[in-house]
Amino acid sequence: MSEGFRIRFGTFAPPAKGVLVVFCDDGLRMGPQTRAILGKTAALVARAAAVDNFKGKLGAALDIVAPPDLPVDRLVVVGLGKPKDWTPNDPVKLGGAAFGKVGSAAEVTMLAELATGAMDAETAADLALGARLRAYTFDRYKTKRKDDDAPKKAVTLTVAVKDPAAARRFGAEREAVADGVVLARDLVNEPPNVLFPVAFAERAAELRKLRVGIEILDVRAMKRLGMNALLAVGQGSAHESRVVIMRWNGGKPTDKPIAFVGKGVCFDTGGISIKPAAGMEDMKGDMAGAACVVGLMHALAARKAKVNAIGAIGLVENMPDGAAQRPGDIVTTMSGQTVEIINTDAEGRLVLADVLHHVVTKYKPQAMVDLATLTGAIMVALGQEHAGLFANDDKLSENLTKAGLATAERVWRMPLAPEYDKLIDSKFADMKNTGGRYGGSVTAAQFLQRYVGKTPWAHLDIAGTALGSPQTEINKSWSSGWGVRLLDRLVADYYEP
């Protein structure tokens, strides 16, 4: 668990200090252990709920300061709603919502109990996961604080459960996933003068501590392989490009790996086709796909997933230097296919083209998923609530959709069809790198499909979900770490024995 936030699982017992969090349903009913611990204070809860019009709706909270007959500083009562109507991700959201009500407390105790009795160990672990994700902040570069901005304290969260040992087992798996999400969020939140391609590669290489195999391809190695499309994107930058291949071998030696590929444009000015100045600072997050892949590989390794997995990220910086590629240039990709550059701001697909081809031909995965903040068009179509899903395989698409519903990292399938290919046909090369205004996210996916062969493949356009998305119960940061939980769930449900 990260420094400053510690989770432990214990038995039901009255806390001696800090904040006590308890739960009630939409009829204000509490579990027997909760009622016993509250004692006379239970009657105060009923009176306070009536005054505050608290109905016990899912995630709603009632805050009682210095409750009599309890040694704690605050009592926070959080609504469960109707647990029978919960979706799979609701316990995680509940943990996040509950932790969001405790303020700057250093000691927090949650009683993991429904009105009908103790939550099972897995649900209690989900509560803790939600709290951990909600506790995330990124303020390492702040040297001064406002008078009312309290410094971040070390926090210990105790989750009271019926079976602490079982909760710890489930909690260890969720801790690994939470660490992966936090890693992805940190990478996206870092400023681009700190996290340029070489620095990003060094961060990814730290996964060696978890016995992840790391191979870093420098410019010379990429030239030998013929990764000319990726190199063309980065040729205008003072920072050299990199490709990082991460390998986790948790399955049988004969098992084909599942592969994950991430777009890692550490900063995207648009190149010669330069973007407008307004909001360009957000383009430090154009590497969110790569950040997700690194976070996912951390999660798989930390929880010792019984699967063979490849994580591959292409890391570049797209700058408008005198050496930058131009509209009208033609590049030869690693696959041998040629691309006419129409717009240098359609650069992410060029990066992915070479990395996808390299992964398919060298590692021959049983399935492959790529993630990229690829198009603004996907936000026009889906807003920021769903990622766009494009796939050449119905079963992979279905499994991703189910994993998305289970984690609330939802995807929506978009079309792929030969008719769209006509929009990216070029007069001078095999294809051009953009098909114009209409169907922009679709033509980008059609472009990528030309580099995956017959491998079952899915493309996730995460431009709307990865950064700047609406805040939720489990994330108040600009960067969401979107995709780590989704893909870990995909692996756990469909690729691990």
Protein backbone atom coordinates (compact mmCIF):
# COMPACT_ATOMS: atom_id res chain seq x y z
CA MET A 1 0.00 0.00 0.00
CA SER A 2 1.28 3.45 -0.82
CA GLU A 3 2.97 5.58 1.79
CA GLY A 4 0.51 7.61 3.83
CA PHE A 5 -2.47 5.27 3.50
CA ARG A 6 -2.72 1.99 5.40
CA ILE A 7 -5.62 -0.47 5.37
CA ARG A 8 -6.13 -3.16 7.95
CA PHE A 9 -8.96 -5.62 8.53
CA GLY A 10 -10.09 -6.32 12.07
CA THR A 11 -13.00 -7.69 14.06
CA PHE A 12 -16.07 -5.73 15.14
CA ALA A 13 -15.10 -3.65 18.15
CA PRO A 14 -15.72 -0.09 19.38
CA PRO A 15 -12.93 2.23 18.13
CA ALA A 16 -11.09 4.30 20.72
CA LYS A 17 -10.59 7.41 18.57
CA GLY A 18 -10.87 8.96 15.14
CA VAL A 19 -13.90 8.72 12.88
CA LEU A 20 -16.37 5.86 12.96
CA VAL A 21 -18.22 5.06 9.71
CA VAL A 22 -21.34 2.90 9.88
CA PHE A 23 -23.95 1.96 7.29
CA CYS A 24 -27.73 1.88 7.22
CA ASP A 25 -30.24 0.94 4.54
CA ASP A 26 -32.99 3.11 3.07
CA GLY A 27 -35.16 2.29 6.08
CA LEU A 28 -32.41 3.56 8.45
CA ARG A 29 -31.89 0.00 9.67
CA MET A 30 -28.42 -1.00 10.90
CA GLY A 31 -26.81 -4.37 11.50
CA PRO A 32 -26.70 -6.01 14.94
CA GLN A 33 -22.96 -5.44 15.46
CA THR A 34 -23.35 -1.79 14.51
CA ARG A 35 -26.26 -1.28 16.92
CA ALA A 36 -24.32 -2.94 19.72
CA ILE A 37 -21.28 -0.70 19.17
CA LEU A 38 -23.37 2.48 18.92
CA GLY A 39 -25.40 1.71 22.03
CA LYS A 40 -27.39 4.74 23.13
CA THR A 41 -26.04 6.77 20.21
CA ALA A 42 -28.31 4.81 17.85
CA ALA A 43 -31.26 6.85 19.09
CA LEU A 44 -29.37 10.07 18.31
CA VAL A 45 -28.84 8.85 14.75
CA ALA A 46 -32.60 8.48 14.25
CA ARG A 47 -33.28 12.00 15.55
CA ALA A 48 -30.46 13.55 13.50
CA ALA A 49 -31.68 11.75 10.36
CA ALA A 50 -35.16 13.18 10.80
CA VAL A 51 -33.81 16.72 11.25
CA ASP A 52 -31.41 16.42 8.28
CA ASN A 53 -33.91 14.61 6.02
CA PHE A 54 -31.42 11.74 5.69
CA LYS A 55 -33.10 8.76 4.01
CA GLY A 56 -30.26 6.27 3.73
CA LYS A 57 -29.88 6.56 -0.06
CA LEU A 58 -26.82 4.86 -1.50
CA GLY A 59 -23.76 7.01 -0.74
CA ALA A 60 -25.63 9.74 1.16
CA ALA A 61 -24.15 10.60 4.55
CA LEU A 62 -25.16 11.92 7.96
CA ASP A 63 -22.34 13.49 9.98
CA ILE A 64 -22.53 13.68 13.78
CA VAL A 65 -19.71 15.55 15.52
CA ALA A 66 -18.56 14.47 19.00
CA PRO A 67 -21.30 11.87 19.49
CA PRO A 68 -22.16 11.29 23.16
CA ASP A 69 -21.38 7.89 24.66
CA LEU A 70 -18.74 7.20 21.98
CA PRO A 71 -15.02 8.07 22.30
CA VAL A 72 -14.68 8.99 18.61
CA ASP A 73 -14.51 12.53 17.22
CA ARG A 74 -17.17 11.97 14.60
CA LEU A 75 -19.76 9.42 13.62
CA VAL A 76 -20.56 9.21 9.91
CA VAL A 77 -23.63 7.24 8.87
CA VAL A 78 -23.60 6.30 5.19
CA GLY A 79 -26.61 5.07 3.25
CA LEU A 80 -26.67 1.64 1.63
CA GLY A 81 -29.80 2.23 -0.39
CA LYS A 82 -31.28 -1.15 -1.31
CA PRO A 83 -28.36 -3.63 -1.32
CA LYS A 84 -30.45 -6.13 -3.29
CA ASP A 85 -30.34 -3.65 -6.19
CA TRP A 86 -26.57 -3.11 -6.09
CA THR A 87 -24.53 -3.38 -9.28
CA PRO A 88 -21.17 -5.20 -9.04
CA ASN A 89 -19.24 -1.96 -8.60
CA ASP A 90 -21.53 -0.40 -5.97
CA PRO A 91 -19.52 -1.64 -2.94
CA VAL A 92 -16.43 0.06 -4.42
CA LYS A 93 -18.38 3.27 -4.97
CA LEU A 94 -19.77 3.00 -1.44
CA GLY A 95 -16.28 2.75 0.04
CA GLY A 96 -15.19 5.79 -1.93
CA ALA A 97 -18.25 7.82 -0.98
CA ALA A 98 -17.84 6.89 2.68
CA PHE A 99 -14.17 7.80 2.76
CA GLY A 100 -14.96 11.09 1.07
CA LYS A 101 -16.95 12.09 4.18
CA VAL A 102 -14.19 11.60 6.76
CA GLY A 103 -12.18 14.74 6.01
CA SER A 104 -8.60 14.85 7.27
CA ALA A 105 -8.97 12.21 9.97
CA ALA A 106 -5.88 10.11 10.66
CA GLU A 107 -7.79 7.15 12.13
CA VAL A 108 -10.91 5.84 10.40
CA THR A 109 -12.93 2.75 11.28
CA MET A 110 -15.60 1.33 8.94
CA LEU A 111 -18.04 -1.29 10.18
CA ALA A 112 -18.60 -3.51 7.12
CA GLU A 113 -22.13 -4.53 7.99
CA LEU A 114 -25.48 -4.49 6.22
CA ALA A 115 -28.78 -4.26 8.07
CA THR A 116 -29.06 -8.05 7.72
CA GLY A 117 -25.58 -8.76 9.06
CA ALA A 118 -21.90 -8.59 8.24
CA MET A 119 -20.80 -8.04 4.65
CA ASP A 120 -18.93 -10.95 3.14
CA ALA A 121 -15.15 -10.72 2.94
CA GLU A 122 -15.06 -9.82 -0.75
CA THR A 123 -17.54 -6.97 -0.35
CA ALA A 124 -15.54 -5.63 2.60
CA ALA A 125 -12.39 -5.71 0.46
CA ASP A 126 -14.27 -3.75 -2.22
CA LEU A 127 -15.13 -1.10 0.38
CA ALA A 128 -11.45 -0.75 1.17
CA LEU A 129 -10.57 -0.53 -2.54
CA GLY A 130 -13.04 2.32 -3.02
CA ALA A 131 -11.63 4.17 -0.03
CA ARG A 132 -8.07 3.78 -1.30
CA LEU A 133 -8.93 5.11 -4.73
CA ARG A 134 -10.87 8.04 -3.25
CA ALA A 135 -7.94 8.96 -1.00
CA TYR A 136 -5.68 9.61 -4.01
CA THR A 137 -4.26 13.10 -4.47
CA PHE A 138 -1.48 14.50 -6.64
CA ASP A 139 0.09 17.50 -4.92
CA ARG A 140 3.79 16.70 -4.91
CA TYR A 141 4.66 19.96 -6.65
CA LYS A 142 2.82 22.24 -4.23
CA THR A 143 5.13 24.09 -1.87
CA LYS A 144 2.54 26.45 -0.38
CA ARG A 145 -0.95 25.82 0.88
CA LYS A 146 -3.93 27.99 1.56
CA ASP A 147 -4.75 28.61 5.19
CA ASP A 148 -7.76 26.31 5.04
CA ASP A 149 -5.97 23.60 3.05
CA ALA A 150 -4.83 21.12 5.66
CA PRO A 151 -1.64 19.18 4.92
CA LYS A 152 -2.14 15.56 3.96
CA LYS A 153 -1.87 13.20 6.93
CA ALA A 154 -0.97 9.54 7.11
CA VAL A 155 -4.25 7.65 7.33
CA THR A 156 -5.03 4.27 8.83
CA LEU A 157 -8.33 2.75 7.72
CA THR A 158 -9.60 -0.18 9.76
CA VAL A 159 -12.38 -2.20 8.14
CA ALA A 160 -14.25 -4.28 10.72
CA VAL A 161 -15.35 -7.62 9.27
CA LYS A 162 -16.61 -11.01 10.34
CA ASP A 163 -13.63 -12.87 8.87
CA PRO A 164 -10.51 -10.66 8.82
CA ALA A 165 -8.28 -13.37 7.36
CA ALA A 166 -10.52 -13.88 4.34
CA ALA A 167 -10.89 -10.11 3.86
CA ARG A 168 -7.10 -9.74 3.89
CA ARG A 169 -6.78 -12.31 1.09
CA PHE A 170 -9.28 -10.48 -1.09
CA GLY A 171 -7.80 -7.17 0.02
CA ALA A 172 -4.31 -8.14 -1.15
CA GLU A 173 -5.62 -8.66 -4.71
CA ARG A 174 -7.40 -5.32 -4.65
CA GLU A 175 -4.34 -3.63 -3.20
CA ALA A 176 -2.38 -4.75 -6.26
CA VAL A 177 -5.03 -3.32 -8.58
CA ALA A 178 -5.29 -0.09 -6.60
CA ASP A 179 -1.51 0.34 -6.78
CA GLY A 180 -1.76 -0.08 -10.55
CA VAL A 181 -4.49 2.55 -10.81
CA VAL A 182 -2.50 4.96 -8.65
CA LEU A 183 0.60 4.38 -10.78
CA ALA A 184 -1.38 5.14 -13.95
CA ARG A 185 -2.86 8.29 -12.40
CA ASP A 186 0.56 9.49 -11.27
CA LEU A 187 2.06 9.00 -14.71
CA VAL A 188 -0.69 10.98 -16.41
CA ASN A 189 -0.61 13.77 -13.83
CA GLU A 190 3.16 14.30 -14.11
CA PRO A 191 4.23 17.43 -16.03
CA PRO A 192 5.72 16.82 -19.48
CA ASN A 193 9.08 18.33 -18.60
CA VAL A 194 9.41 15.56 -16.01
CA LEU A 195 7.83 12.64 -17.90
CA PHE A 196 9.28 12.75 -21.41
CA PRO A 197 9.79 9.47 -23.34
CA VAL A 198 13.12 8.39 -21.84
CA ALA A 199 11.95 9.22 -18.30
CA PHE A 200 8.68 7.36 -18.89
CA ALA A 201 10.62 4.30 -20.05
CA GLU A 202 12.70 4.45 -16.86
CA ARG A 203 9.52 4.56 -14.75
CA ALA A 204 8.14 1.53 -16.58
CA ALA A 205 11.44 -0.29 -16.04
CA GLU A 206 10.86 -0.10 -12.28
CA LEU A 207 8.45 -3.01 -12.75
CA ARG A 208 11.55 -5.21 -12.75
CA LYS A 209 11.19 -5.11 -8.96
CA LEU A 210 8.04 -7.20 -9.43
CA ARG A 211 9.83 -9.63 -11.76
CA VAL A 212 8.38 -8.15 -14.90
CA GLY A 213 10.72 -8.62 -17.84
CA ILE A 214 11.62 -5.27 -19.43
CA GLU A 215 13.02 -4.56 -22.89
CA ILE A 216 13.58 -0.95 -23.96
CA LEU A 217 14.02 -0.20 -27.65
CA ASP A 218 16.00 2.96 -28.35
CA VAL A 219 16.09 4.87 -31.64
CA ARG A 220 18.81 2.67 -33.11
CA ALA A 221 16.90 -0.51 -32.30
CA MET A 222 13.68 0.91 -33.74
CA LYS A 223 15.46 1.91 -36.95
CA ARG A 224 16.77 -1.64 -37.33
CA LEU A 225 13.21 -2.95 -36.92
CA GLY A 226 11.81 -0.44 -39.38
CA MET A 227 9.55 1.44 -36.96
CA ASN A 228 9.60 4.45 -39.24
CA ALA A 229 6.05 5.63 -38.51
CA LEU A 230 6.69 5.87 -34.77
CA LEU A 231 10.08 7.52 -35.30
CA ALA A 232 8.57 10.05 -37.71
CA VAL A 233 6.21 11.29 -35.00
CA GLY A 234 9.06 11.94 -32.58
CA GLN A 235 11.69 13.25 -35.00
CA GLY A 236 10.88 16.90 -34.25
CA SER A 237 11.48 16.54 -30.51
CA ALA A 238 14.65 17.12 -28.52
CA HIS A 239 13.63 14.00 -26.54
CA GLU A 240 14.35 10.63 -28.14
CA SER A 241 11.51 8.16 -28.63
CA ARG A 242 11.33 4.79 -26.92
CA VAL A 243 9.36 1.56 -27.04
CA VAL A 244 9.04 -0.48 -23.85
CA ILE A 245 8.05 -4.16 -23.86
CA MET A 246 6.95 -5.56 -20.50
CA ARG A 247 6.51 -9.33 -20.01
CA TRP A 248 4.73 -11.07 -17.14
CA ASN A 249 5.01 -14.85 -17.26
CA GLY A 250 2.51 -16.10 -14.71
CA GLY A 251 0.94 -18.82 -16.85
CA LYS A 252 2.19 -22.04 -18.35
CA PRO A 253 5.22 -21.77 -20.65
CA THR A 254 3.13 -23.10 -23.54
CA ASP A 255 0.30 -20.57 -23.07
CA LYS A 256 0.11 -17.80 -25.64
CA PRO A 257 0.17 -14.34 -24.01
CA ILE A 258 -2.56 -11.75 -24.04
CA ALA A 259 -1.13 -8.43 -25.17
CA PHE A 260 -1.90 -4.83 -24.20
CA VAL A 261 -0.59 -1.92 -26.25
CA GLY A 262 -0.66 1.73 -25.17
CA LYS A 263 -0.25 5.03 -26.98
CA GLY A 264 2.37 7.08 -25.17
CA VAL A 265 2.55 10.56 -26.67
CA CYS A 266 4.12 12.28 -23.67
CA PHE A 267 3.20 15.67 -25.06
CA ASP A 268 1.26 16.43 -28.21
CA THR A 269 1.48 19.87 -29.74
CA GLY A 270 -0.03 18.53 -32.94
CA GLY A 271 3.33 18.96 -34.66
CA ILE A 272 3.32 21.10 -37.82
CA SER A 273 -0.50 20.83 -37.79
CA ILE A 274 -0.31 22.60 -34.45
CA LYS A 275 -3.17 22.60 -31.98
CA PRO A 276 -4.83 25.78 -30.66
CA ALA A 277 -3.12 27.18 -27.56
CA ALA A 278 -6.22 26.96 -25.34
CA GLY A 279 -6.14 23.75 -23.35
CA MET A 280 -2.91 22.50 -24.88
CA GLU A 281 -1.50 21.91 -21.39
CA ASP A 282 -3.84 18.92 -21.15
CA MET A 283 -1.87 17.23 -23.90
CA LYS A 284 0.56 15.98 -21.27
CA GLY A 285 -2.13 13.32 -20.81
CA ASP A 286 -1.91 12.00 -24.37
CA MET A 287 0.04 9.08 -22.95
CA ALA A 288 -2.83 7.80 -20.79
CA GLY A 289 -3.07 4.59 -22.81
CA ALA A 290 0.56 3.80 -22.08
CA ALA A 291 0.07 4.75 -18.43
CA CYS A 292 -2.81 2.30 -18.19
CA VAL A 293 -0.71 -0.51 -19.66
CA VAL A 294 2.07 0.12 -17.14
CA GLY A 295 -0.46 0.24 -14.28
CA LEU A 296 -2.07 -2.97 -15.51
CA MET A 297 1.24 -4.81 -15.74
CA HIS A 298 2.00 -3.67 -12.18
CA ALA A 299 -1.37 -5.04 -11.03
CA LEU A 300 -0.93 -8.40 -12.77
CA ALA A 301 2.56 -8.87 -11.39
CA ALA A 302 1.73 -7.67 -7.88
CA ARG A 303 -1.18 -10.08 -7.54
CA LYS A 304 0.79 -12.82 -9.34
CA ALA A 305 -1.82 -13.33 -12.03
CA LYS A 306 -1.77 -16.82 -13.54
CA VAL A 307 -1.45 -15.58 -17.10
CA ASN A 308 1.22 -14.69 -19.60
CA ALA A 309 0.88 -11.03 -20.55
CA ILE A 310 2.70 -8.58 -22.79
CA GLY A 311 2.53 -4.84 -22.21
CA ALA A 312 3.92 -2.68 -25.02
CA ILE A 313 4.04 1.11 -25.11
CA GLY A 314 5.27 3.51 -27.78
CA LEU A 315 6.69 6.68 -26.23
CA VAL A 316 7.16 9.83 -28.29
CA GLU A 317 6.84 13.60 -28.10
CA ASN A 318 5.12 15.36 -31.03
CA MET A 319 6.79 18.75 -31.55
CA PRO A 320 6.86 21.33 -34.42
CA ASP A 321 10.62 21.52 -34.86
CA GLY A 322 12.38 22.15 -38.19
CA ALA A 323 13.06 18.41 -38.30
CA ALA A 324 9.42 17.46 -37.69
CA GLN A 325 7.47 15.43 -40.21
CA ARG A 326 5.31 17.44 -42.61
CA PRO A 327 1.85 17.04 -44.10
CA GLY A 328 2.51 15.35 -47.42
CA ASP A 329 5.34 13.14 -46.15
CA ILE A 330 5.09 9.40 -46.83
CA VAL A 331 6.46 6.95 -44.28
CA THR A 332 6.98 3.21 -44.50
CA THR A 333 5.72 1.40 -41.42
CA MET A 334 7.35 -1.65 -39.87
CA SER A 335 4.77 -3.81 -41.65
CA GLY A 336 5.94 -2.48 -45.02
CA GLN A 337 2.72 -0.57 -45.64
CA THR A 338 3.10 3.08 -46.59
CA VAL A 339 1.25 6.03 -45.07
CA GLU A 340 0.74 9.51 -46.46
CA ILE A 341 0.76 12.09 -43.67
CA ILE A 342 -2.25 14.36 -44.13
CA ASN A 343 -2.30 15.81 -40.62
CA THR A 344 0.59 15.56 -38.16
CA ASP A 345 -1.92 15.78 -35.30
CA ALA A 346 -3.20 12.31 -36.27
CA GLU A 347 -0.01 10.91 -34.78
CA GLY A 348 -1.15 8.35 -32.22
CA ARG A 349 -2.24 5.84 -34.84
CA LEU A 350 1.24 6.02 -36.41
CA VAL A 351 2.82 5.16 -33.06
CA LEU A 352 0.40 2.29 -32.49
CA ALA A 353 0.77 0.93 -36.02
CA ASP A 354 4.40 -0.04 -35.52
CA VAL A 355 3.96 -1.30 -31.97
CA LEU A 356 0.90 -3.39 -32.85
CA HIS A 357 2.72 -4.98 -35.79
CA HIS A 358 5.79 -5.70 -33.65
CA VAL A 359 3.73 -7.38 -30.93
CA VAL A 360 1.67 -9.44 -33.40
CA THR A 361 4.65 -10.72 -35.36
CA LYS A 362 7.07 -11.32 -32.49
CA TYR A 363 4.83 -12.54 -29.65
CA LYS A 364 1.83 -14.00 -31.54
CA PRO A 365 -0.67 -13.21 -28.76
CA GLN A 366 -3.95 -15.07 -28.34
CA ALA A 367 -5.67 -11.67 -28.12
CA MET A 368 -4.62 -8.04 -28.10
CA VAL A 369 -6.15 -4.83 -26.71
CA ASP A 370 -4.83 -1.35 -27.38
CA LEU A 371 -5.72 1.82 -25.51
CA ALA A 372 -5.27 5.34 -26.79
CA THR A 373 -6.49 8.88 -26.26
CA LEU A 374 -6.90 8.78 -30.01
CA THR A 375 -9.68 11.06 -31.22
CA GLY A 376 -11.80 13.98 -30.10
CA ALA A 377 -14.48 12.45 -32.31
CA ILE A 378 -15.13 9.70 -29.75
CA MET A 379 -16.02 12.37 -27.18
CA VAL A 380 -18.50 13.91 -29.62
CA ALA A 381 -20.10 10.49 -30.02
CA LEU A 382 -19.99 9.15 -26.44
CA GLY A 383 -19.13 12.03 -24.12
CA GLN A 384 -17.03 11.03 -21.15
CA GLU A 385 -19.08 8.17 -19.74
CA HIS A 386 -18.02 5.40 -22.12
CA ALA A 387 -14.85 4.56 -24.01
CA GLY A 388 -15.23 3.68 -27.66
CA LEU A 389 -14.74 -0.04 -28.34
CA PHE A 390 -13.77 -1.29 -31.78
CA ALA A 391 -13.10 -4.98 -32.30
CA ASN A 392 -12.59 -7.59 -34.98
CA ASP A 393 -13.71 -10.34 -32.60
CA ASP A 394 -17.22 -10.58 -31.12
CA LYS A 395 -16.22 -12.66 -28.10
CA LEU A 396 -13.44 -10.28 -27.07
CA SER A 397 -15.85 -7.37 -27.48
CA GLU A 398 -18.47 -9.11 -25.36
CA ASN A 399 -15.97 -9.91 -22.61
CA LEU A 400 -14.71 -6.32 -22.52
CA THR A 401 -18.28 -5.06 -22.26
CA LYS A 402 -18.99 -7.39 -19.31
CA ALA A 403 -15.76 -6.39 -17.56
CA GLY A 404 -16.67 -2.75 -18.10
CA LEU A 405 -20.06 -3.18 -16.46
CA ALA A 406 -18.48 -4.99 -13.50
CA THR A 407 -15.94 -2.21 -12.87
CA ALA A 408 -18.00 0.80 -14.04
CA GLU A 409 -15.29 1.46 -16.65
CA ARG A 410 -17.83 1.14 -19.39
CA VAL A 411 -17.28 0.67 -23.10
CA TRP A 412 -19.60 1.04 -26.08
CA ARG A 413 -19.01 -0.89 -29.27
CA MET A 414 -18.61 1.17 -32.42
CA PRO A 415 -18.65 -0.07 -36.02
CA LEU A 416 -15.87 -1.33 -38.24
CA ALA A 417 -16.67 -1.90 -41.90
CA PRO A 418 -14.83 -2.02 -45.23
CA GLU A 419 -16.76 1.01 -46.44
CA TYR A 420 -14.87 3.19 -43.97
CA ASP A 421 -11.57 2.03 -45.44
CA LYS A 422 -12.27 4.05 -48.55
CA LEU A 423 -12.00 7.22 -46.45
CA ILE A 424 -8.33 6.51 -45.67
CA ASP A 425 -7.25 5.35 -49.10
CA SER A 426 -4.45 7.55 -50.47
CA LYS A 427 -3.62 8.59 -54.03
CA PHE A 428 0.10 8.32 -53.31
CA ALA A 429 0.51 5.62 -50.63
CA ASP A 430 -1.26 2.56 -49.27
CA MET A 431 -3.26 4.75 -46.91
CA LYS A 432 -3.40 8.19 -45.39
CA ASN A 433 -3.37 8.89 -41.69
CA THR A 434 -6.73 10.61 -41.45
CA GLY A 435 -10.02 10.23 -43.24
CA GLY A 436 -11.39 13.69 -42.65
CA ARG A 437 -14.11 15.02 -40.40
CA TYR A 438 -16.78 12.34 -40.65
CA GLY A 439 -16.42 9.13 -38.65
CA GLY A 440 -13.09 10.24 -37.25
CA SER A 441 -12.90 7.66 -34.47
CA VAL A 442 -14.00 4.91 -36.88
CA THR A 443 -11.45 5.69 -39.57
CA ALA A 444 -8.73 5.81 -36.89
CA ALA A 445 -9.72 2.31 -35.80
CA GLN A 446 -9.86 1.14 -39.42
CA PHE A 447 -6.29 2.40 -39.77
CA LEU A 448 -5.15 0.38 -36.76
CA GLN A 449 -6.93 -2.73 -37.96
CA ARG A 450 -4.58 -2.88 -40.93
CA TYR A 451 -1.72 -3.74 -38.54
CA VAL A 452 -3.20 -6.58 -36.48
CA GLY A 453 -3.72 -9.29 -39.08
CA LYS A 454 -6.02 -12.10 -37.94
CA THR A 455 -5.23 -11.67 -34.21
CA PRO A 456 -8.37 -11.16 -32.09
CA TRP A 457 -8.06 -7.46 -31.33
CA ALA A 458 -9.89 -4.62 -29.65
CA HIS A 459 -9.15 -0.91 -29.71
CA LEU A 460 -10.30 1.31 -26.85
CA ASP A 461 -10.49 5.03 -27.62
CA ILE A 462 -10.20 6.53 -24.14
CA ALA A 463 -9.97 10.22 -25.03
CA GLY A 464 -13.10 10.98 -22.98
CA THR A 465 -12.58 8.69 -19.99
CA ALA A 466 -8.88 8.84 -19.18
CA LEU A 467 -8.47 12.46 -18.13
CA GLY A 468 -10.58 15.46 -17.27
CA SER A 469 -13.60 13.17 -16.96
CA PRO A 470 -16.40 13.90 -14.45
CA GLN A 471 -15.38 13.27 -10.87
CA THR A 472 -16.78 10.16 -9.23
CA GLU A 473 -17.05 8.58 -5.78
CA ILE A 474 -13.64 6.95 -6.31
CA ASN A 475 -11.74 9.66 -8.16
CA LYS A 476 -11.39 13.41 -7.61
CA SER A 477 -8.22 13.70 -9.69
CA TRP A 478 -7.83 15.05 -13.22
CA SER A 479 -6.40 11.69 -14.21
CA SER A 480 -8.68 8.69 -13.66
CA GLY A 481 -6.34 5.75 -14.23
CA TRP A 482 -9.12 4.46 -16.47
CA GLY A 483 -8.66 0.99 -17.89
CA VAL A 484 -6.51 -0.68 -15.23
CA ARG A 485 -9.48 -2.14 -13.36
CA LEU A 486 -11.32 -2.97 -16.59
CA LEU A 487 -8.44 -4.93 -18.12
CA ASP A 488 -7.45 -6.62 -14.87
CA ARG A 489 -11.04 -7.85 -14.63
CA LEU A 490 -10.91 -9.03 -18.25
CA VAL A 491 -7.79 -11.05 -17.47
CA ALA A 492 -9.17 -12.45 -14.21
CA ASP A 493 -12.53 -13.49 -15.65
CA TYR A 494 -11.54 -14.77 -19.08
CA TYR A 495 -7.84 -15.58 -19.29
CA GLU A 496 -6.78 -16.94 -15.90
CA PRO A 497 -7.59 -20.55 -15.04
